[in-house]
N, C-alpha and C. Protein backbone atom coordinates (compact mmCIF):
# COMPACT_ATOMS: atom_id res chain seq x y z
N UNK A 1 -6.08 24.43 17.89
CA UNK A 1 -5.32 23.24 17.60
C UNK A 1 -5.73 22.70 16.22
N UNK A 2 -4.74 22.41 15.39
CA UNK A 2 -5.01 21.93 14.04
C UNK A 2 -5.36 20.45 14.06
N UNK A 3 -6.44 20.10 13.36
CA UNK A 3 -6.87 18.70 13.30
C UNK A 3 -6.14 17.97 12.18
N UNK A 4 -5.64 16.77 12.47
CA UNK A 4 -4.96 15.97 11.46
C UNK A 4 -5.98 15.40 10.49
N UNK A 5 -5.61 15.29 9.20
CA UNK A 5 -6.52 14.66 8.26
C UNK A 5 -6.72 13.19 8.62
N UNK A 6 -7.86 12.62 8.19
CA UNK A 6 -8.14 11.23 8.54
C UNK A 6 -7.19 10.27 7.84
N UNK A 7 -6.56 10.71 6.74
CA UNK A 7 -5.61 9.86 6.04
C UNK A 7 -4.60 10.73 5.31
N UNK A 8 -3.35 10.30 5.36
CA UNK A 8 -2.32 10.91 4.52
C UNK A 8 -1.20 9.90 4.34
N UNK A 9 -0.34 10.17 3.39
CA UNK A 9 0.79 9.27 3.15
C UNK A 9 1.99 10.08 2.68
N UNK A 10 3.17 9.51 2.92
CA UNK A 10 4.42 10.10 2.45
C UNK A 10 5.12 9.09 1.56
N UNK A 11 5.77 9.59 0.53
CA UNK A 11 6.53 8.73 -0.38
C UNK A 11 8.00 9.06 -0.22
N UNK A 12 8.79 8.02 0.04
CA UNK A 12 10.23 8.20 0.21
C UNK A 12 10.97 7.27 -0.74
N UNK A 13 11.81 7.86 -1.58
CA UNK A 13 12.61 7.05 -2.50
C UNK A 13 13.99 6.87 -1.91
N UNK A 14 14.42 5.61 -1.83
CA UNK A 14 15.70 5.26 -1.22
C UNK A 14 16.67 4.80 -2.29
N UNK A 15 17.94 4.66 -1.90
CA UNK A 15 18.92 4.11 -2.84
C UNK A 15 18.55 2.68 -3.24
N UNK A 16 19.14 2.22 -4.32
CA UNK A 16 18.87 0.87 -4.80
C UNK A 16 19.17 -0.18 -3.73
N UNK A 17 18.39 -1.27 -3.73
CA UNK A 17 18.64 -2.38 -2.81
C UNK A 17 19.75 -3.27 -3.38
N UNK A 18 20.02 -4.38 -2.69
CA UNK A 18 21.12 -5.28 -3.09
C UNK A 18 20.92 -5.88 -4.47
N UNK A 19 19.67 -6.00 -4.91
CA UNK A 19 19.39 -6.57 -6.23
C UNK A 19 19.42 -5.50 -7.33
N UNK A 20 19.71 -4.25 -6.95
CA UNK A 20 19.76 -3.17 -7.93
C UNK A 20 18.42 -2.52 -8.20
N UNK A 21 17.39 -2.88 -7.44
CA UNK A 21 16.07 -2.27 -7.60
C UNK A 21 16.00 -0.98 -6.80
N UNK A 22 15.40 0.05 -7.38
CA UNK A 22 15.16 1.24 -6.57
C UNK A 22 14.04 0.91 -5.59
N UNK A 23 14.13 1.46 -4.39
CA UNK A 23 13.16 1.15 -3.35
C UNK A 23 12.37 2.42 -3.02
N UNK A 24 11.05 2.31 -3.10
CA UNK A 24 10.17 3.41 -2.76
C UNK A 24 9.28 2.94 -1.62
N UNK A 25 9.27 3.71 -0.53
CA UNK A 25 8.42 3.38 0.62
C UNK A 25 7.27 4.38 0.67
N UNK A 26 6.05 3.83 0.81
CA UNK A 26 4.86 4.66 0.97
C UNK A 26 4.36 4.42 2.39
N UNK A 27 4.52 5.42 3.25
CA UNK A 27 4.12 5.31 4.66
C UNK A 27 2.72 5.91 4.79
N UNK A 28 1.76 5.04 5.15
CA UNK A 28 0.35 5.46 5.25
C UNK A 28 -0.02 5.73 6.70
N UNK A 29 -0.89 6.72 6.90
CA UNK A 29 -1.33 7.11 8.25
C UNK A 29 -2.84 7.29 8.26
N UNK A 30 -3.49 6.75 9.29
CA UNK A 30 -4.92 7.01 9.49
C UNK A 30 -5.83 5.92 8.97
N UNK A 31 -6.89 6.36 8.30
CA UNK A 31 -7.96 5.47 7.84
C UNK A 31 -8.01 5.46 6.32
N UNK A 32 -7.97 4.26 5.72
CA UNK A 32 -8.08 4.13 4.26
C UNK A 32 -9.54 3.81 3.95
N UNK A 33 -10.22 4.77 3.35
CA UNK A 33 -11.66 4.64 3.11
C UNK A 33 -12.00 5.03 1.67
N UNK A 34 -13.28 4.92 1.33
CA UNK A 34 -13.76 5.30 0.00
C UNK A 34 -13.39 6.74 -0.31
N UNK A 35 -13.33 7.56 0.71
CA UNK A 35 -13.02 8.98 0.56
C UNK A 35 -11.60 9.23 0.03
N UNK A 36 -10.65 8.34 0.34
CA UNK A 36 -9.26 8.61 -0.02
C UNK A 36 -8.55 7.46 -0.74
N UNK A 37 -9.20 6.32 -0.90
CA UNK A 37 -8.55 5.16 -1.53
C UNK A 37 -8.12 5.46 -2.96
N UNK A 38 -8.91 6.25 -3.68
CA UNK A 38 -8.57 6.59 -5.06
C UNK A 38 -7.29 7.40 -5.15
N UNK A 39 -7.10 8.32 -4.21
CA UNK A 39 -5.88 9.13 -4.18
C UNK A 39 -4.65 8.24 -3.96
N UNK A 40 -4.75 7.33 -3.00
CA UNK A 40 -3.64 6.41 -2.72
C UNK A 40 -3.37 5.54 -3.94
N UNK A 41 -4.43 5.00 -4.52
CA UNK A 41 -4.30 4.12 -5.68
C UNK A 41 -3.63 4.85 -6.85
N UNK A 42 -4.04 6.07 -7.11
CA UNK A 42 -3.46 6.84 -8.20
C UNK A 42 -1.97 7.10 -8.00
N UNK A 43 -1.60 7.45 -6.78
CA UNK A 43 -0.19 7.73 -6.49
C UNK A 43 0.67 6.48 -6.64
N UNK A 44 0.17 5.35 -6.15
CA UNK A 44 0.97 4.12 -6.21
C UNK A 44 0.99 3.55 -7.62
N UNK A 45 -0.09 3.69 -8.38
CA UNK A 45 -0.08 3.19 -9.76
C UNK A 45 1.02 3.88 -10.58
N UNK A 46 1.23 5.17 -10.35
CA UNK A 46 2.29 5.85 -11.09
C UNK A 46 3.66 5.34 -10.66
N UNK A 47 3.81 4.95 -9.40
CA UNK A 47 5.07 4.36 -8.92
C UNK A 47 5.29 2.98 -9.54
N UNK A 48 4.21 2.21 -9.68
CA UNK A 48 4.31 0.87 -10.28
C UNK A 48 4.86 0.98 -11.69
N UNK A 49 4.40 1.98 -12.43
CA UNK A 49 4.87 2.17 -13.81
C UNK A 49 6.36 2.47 -13.88
N UNK A 50 6.92 3.04 -12.80
CA UNK A 50 8.35 3.35 -12.76
C UNK A 50 9.19 2.11 -12.48
N UNK A 51 8.58 1.07 -11.94
CA UNK A 51 9.30 -0.17 -11.64
C UNK A 51 10.04 -0.10 -10.31
N UNK A 52 10.84 -1.12 -10.04
CA UNK A 52 11.58 -1.20 -8.78
C UNK A 52 10.82 -1.96 -7.71
N UNK A 53 11.10 -1.61 -6.48
CA UNK A 53 10.47 -2.26 -5.32
C UNK A 53 9.68 -1.20 -4.58
N UNK A 54 8.41 -1.47 -4.34
CA UNK A 54 7.54 -0.53 -3.63
C UNK A 54 7.08 -1.20 -2.34
N UNK A 55 7.32 -0.52 -1.23
CA UNK A 55 6.95 -1.03 0.09
C UNK A 55 5.87 -0.12 0.64
N UNK A 56 4.70 -0.69 0.90
CA UNK A 56 3.59 0.06 1.48
C UNK A 56 3.58 -0.25 2.98
N UNK A 57 3.93 0.74 3.79
CA UNK A 57 4.02 0.57 5.24
C UNK A 57 2.68 0.96 5.86
N UNK A 58 2.00 -0.03 6.45
CA UNK A 58 0.66 0.18 7.01
C UNK A 58 0.66 0.20 8.54
N UNK A 59 1.82 0.41 9.15
CA UNK A 59 1.92 0.35 10.61
C UNK A 59 1.06 1.40 11.31
N UNK A 60 0.78 2.52 10.65
CA UNK A 60 -0.01 3.59 11.27
C UNK A 60 -1.41 3.69 10.66
N UNK A 61 -1.87 2.60 10.03
CA UNK A 61 -3.23 2.58 9.48
C UNK A 61 -4.15 1.93 10.51
N UNK A 62 -5.17 2.68 10.93
CA UNK A 62 -6.05 2.23 12.01
C UNK A 62 -7.35 1.61 11.53
N UNK A 63 -7.68 1.83 10.25
CA UNK A 63 -8.96 1.34 9.74
C UNK A 63 -8.86 1.25 8.22
N UNK A 64 -9.44 0.20 7.64
CA UNK A 64 -9.53 0.05 6.19
C UNK A 64 -10.93 -0.44 5.86
N UNK A 65 -11.65 0.30 5.00
CA UNK A 65 -12.97 -0.16 4.59
C UNK A 65 -12.87 -0.97 3.30
N UNK A 66 -14.00 -1.36 2.75
CA UNK A 66 -13.99 -2.22 1.56
C UNK A 66 -13.34 -1.53 0.37
N UNK A 67 -13.47 -0.22 0.26
CA UNK A 67 -12.82 0.51 -0.83
C UNK A 67 -11.30 0.48 -0.67
N UNK A 68 -10.85 0.58 0.57
CA UNK A 68 -9.41 0.49 0.83
C UNK A 68 -8.88 -0.89 0.49
N UNK A 69 -9.61 -1.93 0.89
CA UNK A 69 -9.20 -3.30 0.54
C UNK A 69 -9.19 -3.48 -0.97
N UNK A 70 -10.20 -2.94 -1.63
CA UNK A 70 -10.26 -3.03 -3.09
C UNK A 70 -9.08 -2.33 -3.75
N UNK A 71 -8.67 -1.20 -3.19
CA UNK A 71 -7.50 -0.48 -3.72
C UNK A 71 -6.24 -1.32 -3.56
N UNK A 72 -6.08 -1.95 -2.39
CA UNK A 72 -4.90 -2.79 -2.15
C UNK A 72 -4.85 -3.94 -3.16
N UNK A 73 -5.99 -4.59 -3.37
CA UNK A 73 -6.05 -5.72 -4.31
C UNK A 73 -5.76 -5.23 -5.73
N UNK A 74 -6.37 -4.13 -6.14
CA UNK A 74 -6.16 -3.61 -7.49
C UNK A 74 -4.69 -3.25 -7.72
N UNK A 75 -4.05 -2.68 -6.71
CA UNK A 75 -2.64 -2.32 -6.84
C UNK A 75 -1.76 -3.55 -6.99
N UNK A 76 -2.05 -4.57 -6.18
CA UNK A 76 -1.26 -5.81 -6.26
C UNK A 76 -1.45 -6.47 -7.62
N UNK A 77 -2.68 -6.54 -8.10
CA UNK A 77 -2.96 -7.15 -9.40
C UNK A 77 -2.27 -6.36 -10.51
N UNK A 78 -2.32 -5.04 -10.45
CA UNK A 78 -1.64 -4.21 -11.44
C UNK A 78 -0.14 -4.47 -11.44
N UNK A 79 0.45 -4.53 -10.26
CA UNK A 79 1.90 -4.78 -10.16
C UNK A 79 2.27 -6.13 -10.74
N UNK A 80 1.47 -7.15 -10.44
CA UNK A 80 1.76 -8.50 -10.94
C UNK A 80 1.59 -8.54 -12.46
N UNK A 81 0.51 -7.96 -12.97
CA UNK A 81 0.25 -7.99 -14.42
C UNK A 81 1.33 -7.25 -15.21
N UNK A 82 1.75 -6.09 -14.71
CA UNK A 82 2.75 -5.31 -15.44
C UNK A 82 4.15 -5.91 -15.31
N UNK A 83 4.39 -6.59 -14.20
CA UNK A 83 5.68 -7.25 -14.01
C UNK A 83 6.86 -6.31 -13.91
N UNK A 84 6.60 -5.04 -13.64
CA UNK A 84 7.68 -4.05 -13.59
C UNK A 84 8.24 -3.83 -12.19
N UNK A 85 7.50 -4.26 -11.18
CA UNK A 85 7.94 -3.96 -9.82
C UNK A 85 7.55 -5.07 -8.85
N UNK A 86 8.15 -4.98 -7.69
CA UNK A 86 7.78 -5.83 -6.56
C UNK A 86 6.98 -4.92 -5.62
N UNK A 87 5.75 -5.29 -5.32
CA UNK A 87 4.89 -4.49 -4.44
C UNK A 87 4.66 -5.27 -3.16
N UNK A 88 5.05 -4.68 -2.03
CA UNK A 88 4.92 -5.35 -0.74
C UNK A 88 4.09 -4.50 0.22
N UNK A 89 3.25 -5.17 0.99
CA UNK A 89 2.51 -4.53 2.07
C UNK A 89 3.14 -5.01 3.37
N UNK A 90 3.62 -4.08 4.20
CA UNK A 90 4.35 -4.46 5.41
C UNK A 90 3.78 -3.78 6.65
N UNK A 91 4.16 -4.32 7.80
CA UNK A 91 3.83 -3.74 9.11
C UNK A 91 2.33 -3.56 9.33
N UNK A 92 1.56 -4.56 8.93
CA UNK A 92 0.12 -4.49 9.14
C UNK A 92 -0.21 -4.80 10.60
N UNK A 93 -1.17 -4.09 11.13
CA UNK A 93 -1.60 -4.34 12.51
C UNK A 93 -2.29 -5.70 12.58
N UNK A 94 -2.39 -6.24 13.76
CA UNK A 94 -3.06 -7.54 13.93
C UNK A 94 -4.53 -7.44 13.50
N UNK A 95 -5.14 -6.31 13.73
CA UNK A 95 -6.54 -6.11 13.33
C UNK A 95 -6.68 -6.14 11.80
N UNK A 96 -5.76 -5.49 11.10
CA UNK A 96 -5.79 -5.50 9.64
C UNK A 96 -5.48 -6.89 9.10
N UNK A 97 -4.53 -7.57 9.70
CA UNK A 97 -4.22 -8.94 9.27
C UNK A 97 -5.43 -9.85 9.41
N UNK A 98 -6.16 -9.69 10.50
CA UNK A 98 -7.36 -10.50 10.72
C UNK A 98 -8.42 -10.19 9.66
N UNK A 99 -8.59 -8.91 9.32
CA UNK A 99 -9.53 -8.52 8.27
C UNK A 99 -9.13 -9.16 6.94
N UNK A 100 -7.85 -9.16 6.64
CA UNK A 100 -7.38 -9.77 5.39
C UNK A 100 -7.63 -11.27 5.38
N UNK A 101 -7.47 -11.91 6.54
CA UNK A 101 -7.75 -13.35 6.64
C UNK A 101 -9.23 -13.62 6.43
N UNK A 102 -10.08 -12.83 7.07
CA UNK A 102 -11.53 -13.02 6.96
C UNK A 102 -12.02 -12.82 5.53
N UNK A 103 -11.41 -11.90 4.81
CA UNK A 103 -11.82 -11.63 3.43
C UNK A 103 -11.04 -12.49 2.43
N UNK A 104 -10.15 -13.29 2.94
CA UNK A 104 -9.36 -14.24 2.15
C UNK A 104 -8.47 -13.58 1.09
N UNK A 105 -7.99 -12.39 1.41
CA UNK A 105 -7.04 -11.75 0.50
C UNK A 105 -5.65 -11.63 1.13
N UNK A 106 -5.48 -12.25 2.28
CA UNK A 106 -4.19 -12.17 2.97
C UNK A 106 -3.05 -12.76 2.14
N UNK A 107 -3.29 -13.89 1.48
CA UNK A 107 -2.23 -14.53 0.71
C UNK A 107 -1.87 -13.71 -0.53
N UNK A 108 -2.84 -13.08 -1.15
CA UNK A 108 -2.56 -12.24 -2.32
C UNK A 108 -1.63 -11.09 -1.92
N UNK A 109 -1.95 -10.42 -0.83
CA UNK A 109 -1.17 -9.26 -0.45
C UNK A 109 0.18 -9.62 0.15
N UNK A 110 0.32 -10.84 0.64
CA UNK A 110 1.61 -11.23 1.24
C UNK A 110 2.53 -11.89 0.23
N UNK A 111 2.05 -12.12 -1.00
CA UNK A 111 2.92 -12.77 -2.00
C UNK A 111 3.76 -11.77 -2.76
């Protein structure tokens, strides 16, 4: 039996939304840790440079360590500074939402 990797993601580009922005969804699976946060960050940073709307779907993310949280914050800050795209984090589990509240970065990621 083949073992699934601890983390992977898929990128899906959709037709433009009602505002004319291209929509890219990044569906994440598993655990976002120091081991893989850089890979995720690199992939999404290149999408930020393309502009449009980027939706990070975290519904299948079971664990995020401090490196993963740092990657989320860095991506949001990059998106805001460049002003080229709208970056959204969606479908977070209640456990992840609580972690974001405890670390006081929930408002940054939800804006």
